[in-house]
Amino acid sequence: MRVGETVLDEDTGRIGEVMGHEGRYVQLRPLLGGREWDVRPDRVRPVTAPELLSARVAAVNSRTRRGGSR
């Protein structure tokens, strides 16, 4: 996985952007920012275009409901 790549954490179903590698883990961050989490490299895969679109829409909708901008 390359830094900046958008991937799916198969353990949690969350989609995130690869921020780096720490030891034997990949560090992911939610699409609109937030707290990073670690996942084993064998448990991530690149997202498909429909998965990415769905995740972005869900993230923006969530932020809008909370009163955030973007």
PDB file of N, CA and C in Angstrom:
ATOM      1  N   MET A   1       0.827  -1.173   0.000  1.00  0.00           N
ATOM      2  CA  MET A   1       0.000   0.000   0.000  1.00  0.00           C
ATOM      3  C   MET A   1       0.883   1.253   0.000  1.00  0.00           C
ATOM      4  N   ARG A   2       0.502   2.196  -0.834  1.00  0.00           N
ATOM      5  CA  ARG A   2       1.259   3.449  -0.931  1.00  0.00           C
ATOM      6  C   ARG A   2       0.573   4.547  -0.124  1.00  0.00           C
ATOM      7  N   VAL A   3       1.368   5.462   0.422  1.00  0.00           N
ATOM      8  CA  VAL A   3       0.828   6.622   1.115  1.00  0.00           C
ATOM      9  C   VAL A   3      -0.065   7.382   0.143  1.00  0.00           C
ATOM     10  N   GLY A   4      -1.251   7.759   0.616  1.00  0.00           N
ATOM     11  CA  GLY A   4      -2.214   8.484  -0.214  1.00  0.00           C
ATOM     12  C   GLY A   4      -3.245   7.592  -0.882  1.00  0.00           C
ATOM     13  N   GLU A   5      -2.995   6.300  -0.914  1.00  0.00           N
ATOM     14  CA  GLU A   5      -3.930   5.362  -1.540  1.00  0.00           C
ATOM     15  C   GLU A   5      -5.160   5.192  -0.645  1.00  0.00           C
ATOM     16  N   THR A   6      -6.325   5.054  -1.264  1.00  0.00           N
ATOM     17  CA  THR A   6      -7.560   4.831  -0.528  1.00  0.00           C
ATOM     18  C   THR A   6      -7.850   3.337  -0.521  1.00  0.00           C
ATOM     19  N   VAL A   7      -8.057   2.808   0.691  1.00  0.00           N
ATOM     20  CA  VAL A   7      -8.202   1.364   0.858  1.00  0.00           C
ATOM     21  C   VAL A   7      -9.374   1.037   1.788  1.00  0.00           C
ATOM     22  N   LEU A   8      -9.765  -0.226   1.755  1.00  0.00           N
ATOM     23  CA  LEU A   8     -10.805  -0.748   2.629  1.00  0.00           C
ATOM     24  C   LEU A   8     -10.164  -1.614   3.697  1.00  0.00           C
ATOM     25  N   ASP A   9     -10.481  -1.336   4.953  1.00  0.00           N
ATOM     26  CA  ASP A   9     -10.065  -2.176   6.072  1.00  0.00           C
ATOM     27  C   ASP A   9     -11.084  -3.311   6.139  1.00  0.00           C
ATOM     28  N   GLU A  10     -10.689  -4.490   5.740  1.00  0.00           N
ATOM     29  CA  GLU A  10     -11.618  -5.608   5.653  1.00  0.00           C
ATOM     30  C   GLU A  10     -12.089  -6.092   7.017  1.00  0.00           C
ATOM     31  N   ASP A  11     -11.372  -5.767   8.088  1.00  0.00           N
ATOM     32  CA  ASP A  11     -11.801  -6.173   9.430  1.00  0.00           C
ATOM     33  C   ASP A  11     -12.962  -5.318   9.929  1.00  0.00           C
ATOM     34  N   THR A  12     -12.921  -4.016   9.637  1.00  0.00           N
ATOM     35  CA  THR A  12     -13.945  -3.107  10.159  1.00  0.00           C
ATOM     36  C   THR A  12     -14.933  -2.640   9.102  1.00  0.00           C
ATOM     37  N   GLY A  13     -14.570  -2.780   7.820  1.00  0.00           N
ATOM     38  CA  GLY A  13     -15.420  -2.269   6.747  1.00  0.00           C
ATOM     39  C   GLY A  13     -15.244  -0.783   6.508  1.00  0.00           C
ATOM     40  N   ARG A  14     -14.294  -0.159   7.227  1.00  0.00           N
ATOM     41  CA  ARG A  14     -14.054   1.278   7.083  1.00  0.00           C
ATOM     42  C   ARG A  14     -13.122   1.542   5.901  1.00  0.00           C
ATOM     43  N   ILE A  15     -13.344   2.670   5.267  1.00  0.00           N
ATOM     44  CA  ILE A  15     -12.487   3.108   4.164  1.00  0.00           C
ATOM     45  C   ILE A  15     -11.630   4.251   4.665  1.00  0.00           C
ATOM     46  N   GLY A  16     -10.349   4.194   4.331  1.00  0.00           N
ATOM     47  CA  GLY A  16      -9.438   5.234   4.773  1.00  0.00           C
ATOM     48  C   GLY A  16      -8.308   5.451   3.800  1.00  0.00           C
ATOM     49  N   GLU A  17      -7.583   6.524   4.045  1.00  0.00           N
ATOM     50  CA  GLU A  17      -6.416   6.872   3.232  1.00  0.00           C
ATOM     51  C   GLU A  17      -5.164   6.413   3.965  1.00  0.00           C
ATOM     52  N   VAL A  18      -4.262   5.774   3.240  1.00  0.00           N
ATOM     53  CA  VAL A  18      -3.007   5.314   3.824  1.00  0.00           C
ATOM     54  C   VAL A  18      -2.163   6.537   4.174  1.00  0.00           C
ATOM     55  N   MET A  19      -1.807   6.623   5.475  1.00  0.00           N
ATOM     56  CA  MET A  19      -1.002   7.742   5.962  1.00  0.00           C
ATOM     57  C   MET A  19       0.450   7.347   6.161  1.00  0.00           C
ATOM     58  N   GLY A  20       0.700   6.052   6.322  1.00  0.00           N
ATOM     59  CA  GLY A  20       2.062   5.601   6.532  1.00  0.00           C
ATOM     60  C   GLY A  20       2.084   4.167   7.020  1.00  0.00           C
ATOM     61  N   HIS A  21       3.256   3.751   7.416  1.00  0.00           N
ATOM     62  CA  HIS A  21       3.471   2.394   7.914  1.00  0.00           C
ATOM     63  C   HIS A  21       4.203   2.499   9.247  1.00  0.00           C
ATOM     64  N   GLU A  22       3.737   1.763  10.224  1.00  0.00           N
ATOM     65  CA  GLU A  22       4.362   1.747  11.544  1.00  0.00           C
ATOM     66  C   GLU A  22       4.581   0.298  11.931  1.00  0.00           C
ATOM     67  N   GLY A  23       5.835  -0.118  11.939  1.00  0.00           N
ATOM     68  CA  GLY A  23       6.119  -1.519  12.226  1.00  0.00           C
ATOM     69  C   GLY A  23       5.484  -2.396  11.166  1.00  0.00           C
ATOM     70  N   ARG A  24       4.686  -3.339  11.630  1.00  0.00           N
ATOM     71  CA  ARG A  24       4.042  -4.235  10.663  1.00  0.00           C
ATOM     72  C   ARG A  24       2.596  -3.835  10.359  1.00  0.00           C
ATOM     73  N   TYR A  25       2.232  -2.582  10.662  1.00  0.00           N
ATOM     74  CA  TYR A  25       0.873  -2.101  10.431  1.00  0.00           C
ATOM     75  C   TYR A  25       0.845  -0.972   9.411  1.00  0.00           C
ATOM     76  N   VAL A  26      -0.307  -0.835   8.759  1.00  0.00           N
ATOM     77  CA  VAL A  26      -0.592   0.295   7.881  1.00  0.00           C
ATOM     78  C   VAL A  26      -1.443   1.256   8.699  1.00  0.00           C
ATOM     79  N   GLN A  27      -1.144   2.541   8.632  1.00  0.00           N
ATOM     80  CA  GLN A  27      -1.922   3.542   9.341  1.00  0.00           C
ATOM     81  C   GLN A  27      -2.898   4.186   8.373  1.00  0.00           C
ATOM     82  N   LEU A  28      -4.182   4.160   8.739  1.00  0.00           N
ATOM     83  CA  LEU A  28      -5.242   4.722   7.904  1.00  0.00           C
ATOM     84  C   LEU A  28      -5.895   5.892   8.618  1.00  0.00           C
ATOM     85  N   ARG A  29      -6.407   6.839   7.833  1.00  0.00           N
ATOM     86  CA  ARG A  29      -7.157   7.976   8.356  1.00  0.00           C
ATOM     87  C   ARG A  29      -8.475   8.061   7.593  1.00  0.00           C
ATOM     88  N   PRO A  30      -9.573   8.398   8.293  1.00  0.00           N
ATOM     89  CA  PRO A  30     -10.854   8.559   7.599  1.00  0.00           C
ATOM     90  C   PRO A  30     -10.751   9.577   6.460  1.00  0.00           C
ATOM     91  N   LEU A  31     -11.630   9.449   5.477  1.00  0.00           N
ATOM     92  CA  LEU A  31     -11.557  10.282   4.284  1.00  0.00           C
ATOM     93  C   LEU A  31     -11.606  11.780   4.566  1.00  0.00           C
ATOM     94  N   LEU A  32     -12.422  12.208   5.518  1.00  0.00           N
ATOM     95  CA  LEU A  32     -12.516  13.635   5.819  1.00  0.00           C
ATOM     96  C   LEU A  32     -11.709  14.022   7.047  1.00  0.00           C
ATOM     97  N   GLY A  33     -10.705  13.227   7.359  1.00  0.00           N
ATOM     98  CA  GLY A  33      -9.862  13.511   8.501  1.00  0.00           C
ATOM     99  C   GLY A  33     -10.392  12.834   9.755  1.00  0.00           C
ATOM    100  N   GLY A  34      -9.607  12.906  10.790  1.00  0.00           N
ATOM    101  CA  GLY A  34      -9.987  12.272  12.044  1.00  0.00           C
ATOM    102  C   GLY A  34      -8.865  11.411  12.560  1.00  0.00           C
ATOM    103  N   ARG A  35      -9.197  10.617  13.528  1.00  0.00           N
ATOM    104  CA  ARG A  35      -8.201   9.790  14.207  1.00  0.00           C
ATOM    105  C   ARG A  35      -7.769   8.608  13.338  1.00  0.00           C
ATOM    106  N   GLU A  36      -6.457   8.427  13.250  1.00  0.00           N
ATOM    107  CA  GLU A  36      -5.903   7.303  12.484  1.00  0.00           C
ATOM    108  C   GLU A  36      -6.109   6.003  13.238  1.00  0.00           C
ATOM    109  N   TRP A  37      -6.106   4.916  12.490  1.00  0.00           N
ATOM    110  CA  TRP A  37      -6.131   3.600  13.101  1.00  0.00           C
ATOM    111  C   TRP A  37      -5.163   2.701  12.364  1.00  0.00           C
ATOM    112  N   ASP A  38      -4.741   1.631  13.032  1.00  0.00           N
ATOM    113  CA  ASP A  38      -3.776   0.689  12.473  1.00  0.00           C
ATOM    114  C   ASP A  38      -4.475  -0.572  12.016  1.00  0.00           C
ATOM    115  N   VAL A  39      -3.970  -1.141  10.941  1.00  0.00           N
ATOM    116  CA  VAL A  39      -4.519  -2.388  10.407  1.00  0.00           C
ATOM    117  C   VAL A  39      -3.378  -3.184   9.775  1.00  0.00           C
ATOM    118  N   ARG A  40      -3.511  -4.484   9.834  1.00  0.00           N
ATOM    119  CA  ARG A  40      -2.493  -5.335   9.200  1.00  0.00           C
ATOM    120  C   ARG A  40      -2.580  -5.174   7.679  1.00  0.00           C
ATOM    121  N   PRO A  41      -1.451  -5.154   6.990  1.00  0.00           N
ATOM    122  CA  PRO A  41      -1.453  -4.970   5.534  1.00  0.00           C
ATOM    123  C   PRO A  41      -2.226  -6.040   4.774  1.00  0.00           C
ATOM    124  N   ASP A  42      -2.290  -7.255   5.322  1.00  0.00           N
ATOM    125  CA  ASP A  42      -3.013  -8.314   4.621  1.00  0.00           C
ATOM    126  C   ASP A  42      -4.526  -8.189   4.786  1.00  0.00           C
ATOM    127  N   ARG A  43      -4.995  -7.177   5.558  1.00  0.00           N
ATOM    128  CA  ARG A  43      -6.423  -6.973   5.784  1.00  0.00           C
ATOM    129  C   ARG A  43      -6.942  -5.721   5.092  1.00  0.00           C
ATOM    130  N   VAL A  44      -6.133  -5.152   4.172  1.00  0.00           N
ATOM    131  CA  VAL A  44      -6.593  -3.995   3.400  1.00  0.00           C
ATOM    132  C   VAL A  44      -6.538  -4.320   1.913  1.00  0.00           C
ATOM    133  N   ARG A  45      -7.420  -3.652   1.187  1.00  0.00           N
ATOM    134  CA  ARG A  45      -7.420  -3.786  -0.273  1.00  0.00           C
ATOM    135  C   ARG A  45      -7.857  -2.456  -0.869  1.00  0.00           C
ATOM    136  N   PRO A  46      -7.447  -2.188  -2.111  1.00  0.00           N
ATOM    137  CA  PRO A  46      -7.901  -0.955  -2.765  1.00  0.00           C
ATOM    138  C   PRO A  46      -9.425  -0.942  -2.878  1.00  0.00           C
ATOM    139  N   VAL A  47      -9.996   0.238  -2.795  1.00  0.00           N
ATOM    140  CA  VAL A  47     -11.449   0.348  -2.932  1.00  0.00           C
ATOM    141  C   VAL A  47     -11.830   0.419  -4.403  1.00  0.00           C
ATOM    142  N   THR A  48     -13.039   0.011  -4.690  1.00  0.00           N
ATOM    143  CA  THR A  48     -13.584   0.162  -6.037  1.00  0.00           C
ATOM    144  C   THR A  48     -14.146   1.578  -6.164  1.00  0.00           C
ATOM    145  N   ALA A  49     -14.373   2.012  -7.379  1.00  0.00           N
ATOM    146  CA  ALA A  49     -14.938   3.346  -7.604  1.00  0.00           C
ATOM    147  C   ALA A  49     -16.296   3.501  -6.914  1.00  0.00           C
ATOM    148  N   PRO A  50     -17.210   2.531  -7.017  1.00  0.00           N
ATOM    149  CA  PRO A  50     -18.499   2.682  -6.318  1.00  0.00           C
ATOM    150  C   PRO A  50     -18.348   2.727  -4.793  1.00  0.00           C
ATOM    151  N   GLU A  51     -17.423   1.961  -4.234  1.00  0.00           N
ATOM    152  CA  GLU A  51     -17.193   1.990  -2.782  1.00  0.00           C
ATOM    153  C   GLU A  51     -16.682   3.358  -2.343  1.00  0.00           C
ATOM    154  N   LEU A  52     -15.776   3.919  -3.121  1.00  0.00           N
ATOM    155  CA  LEU A  52     -15.212   5.226  -2.790  1.00  0.00           C
ATOM    156  C   LEU A  52     -16.283   6.309  -2.855  1.00  0.00           C
ATOM    157  N   LEU A  53     -17.083   6.304  -3.891  1.00  0.00           N
ATOM    158  CA  LEU A  53     -18.158   7.290  -4.028  1.00  0.00           C
ATOM    159  C   LEU A  53     -19.133   7.181  -2.861  1.00  0.00           C
ATOM    160  N   SER A  54     -19.532   5.976  -2.524  1.00  0.00           N
ATOM    161  CA  SER A  54     -20.457   5.755  -1.421  1.00  0.00           C
ATOM    162  C   SER A  54     -19.873   6.246  -0.100  1.00  0.00           C
ATOM    163  N   ALA A  55     -18.605   5.959   0.145  1.00  0.00           N
ATOM    164  CA  ALA A  55     -17.954   6.377   1.388  1.00  0.00           C
ATOM    165  C   ALA A  55     -17.847   7.897   1.468  1.00  0.00           C
ATOM    166  N   ARG A  56     -17.534   8.546   0.362  1.00  0.00           N
ATOM    167  CA  ARG A  56     -17.425  10.012   0.361  1.00  0.00           C
ATOM    168  C   ARG A  56     -18.784  10.656   0.625  1.00  0.00           C
ATOM    169  N   VAL A  57     -19.826  10.147  -0.010  1.00  0.00           N
ATOM    170  CA  VAL A  57     -21.171  10.690   0.208  1.00  0.00           C
ATOM    171  C   VAL A  57     -21.576  10.503   1.670  1.00  0.00           C
ATOM    172  N   ALA A  58     -21.327   9.318   2.223  1.00  0.00           N
ATOM    173  CA  ALA A  58     -21.675   9.054   3.622  1.00  0.00           C
ATOM    174  C   ALA A  58     -20.904   9.979   4.567  1.00  0.00           C
ATOM    175  N   ALA A  59     -19.626  10.208   4.301  1.00  0.00           N
ATOM    176  CA  ALA A  59     -18.809  11.067   5.158  1.00  0.00           C
ATOM    177  C   ALA A  59     -19.317  12.511   5.125  1.00  0.00           C
ATOM    178  N   VAL A  60     -19.621  13.010   3.938  1.00  0.00           N
ATOM    179  CA  VAL A  60     -20.121  14.382   3.818  1.00  0.00           C
ATOM    180  C   VAL A  60     -21.488  14.505   4.481  1.00  0.00           C
ATOM    181  N   ASN A  61     -22.363  13.530   4.279  1.00  0.00           N
ATOM    182  CA  ASN A  61     -23.678  13.561   4.917  1.00  0.00           C
ATOM    183  C   ASN A  61     -23.557  13.556   6.434  1.00  0.00           C
ATOM    184  N   SER A  62     -22.657  12.761   6.946  1.00  0.00           N
ATOM    185  CA  SER A  62     -22.449  12.687   8.394  1.00  0.00           C
ATOM    186  C   SER A  62     -21.965  14.025   8.938  1.00  0.00           C
ATOM    187  N   ARG A  63     -21.033  14.634   8.262  1.00  0.00           N
ATOM    188  CA  ARG A  63     -20.509  15.926   8.689  1.00  0.00           C
ATOM    189  C   ARG A  63     -21.600  16.990   8.629  1.00  0.00           C
ATOM    190  N   THR A  64     -22.436  16.946   7.602  1.00  0.00           N
ATOM    191  CA  THR A  64     -23.521  17.910   7.461  1.00  0.00           C
ATOM    192  C   THR A  64     -24.528  17.773   8.600  1.00  0.00           C
ATOM    193  N   ARG A  65     -24.873  16.534   8.958  1.00  0.00           N
ATOM    194  CA  ARG A  65     -25.817  16.301  10.059  1.00  0.00           C
ATOM    195  C   ARG A  65     -25.279  16.806  11.385  1.00  0.00           C
ATOM    196  N   ARG A  66     -23.967  16.769  11.558  1.00  0.00           N
ATOM    197  CA  ARG A  66     -23.346  17.231  12.795  1.00  0.00           C
ATOM    198  C   ARG A  66     -23.148  18.751  12.809  1.00  0.00           C
ATOM    199  N   GLY A  67     -23.462  19.391  11.688  1.00  0.00           N
ATOM    200  CA  GLY A  67     -23.333  20.839  11.624  1.00  0.00           C
ATOM    201  C   GLY A  67     -22.006  21.328  11.109  1.00  0.00           C
ATOM    202  N   GLY A  68     -21.192  20.428  10.577  1.00  0.00           N
ATOM    203  CA  GLY A  68     -19.910  20.825  10.013  1.00  0.00           C
ATOM    204  C   GLY A  68     -20.058  21.353   8.605  1.00  0.00           C
ATOM    205  N   SER A  69     -19.039  21.956   8.090  1.00  0.00           N
ATOM    206  CA  SER A  69     -19.072  22.440   6.718  1.00  0.00           C
ATOM    207  C   SER A  69     -18.262  21.531   5.827  1.00  0.00           C
ATOM    208  N   ARG A  70     -18.487  21.666   4.527  1.00  0.00           N
ATOM    209  CA  ARG A  70     -17.774  20.934   3.484  1.00  0.00           C
ATOM    210  C   ARG A  70     -18.699  20.207   2.605  1.00  0.00           C
TER     211      ARG A  70
END
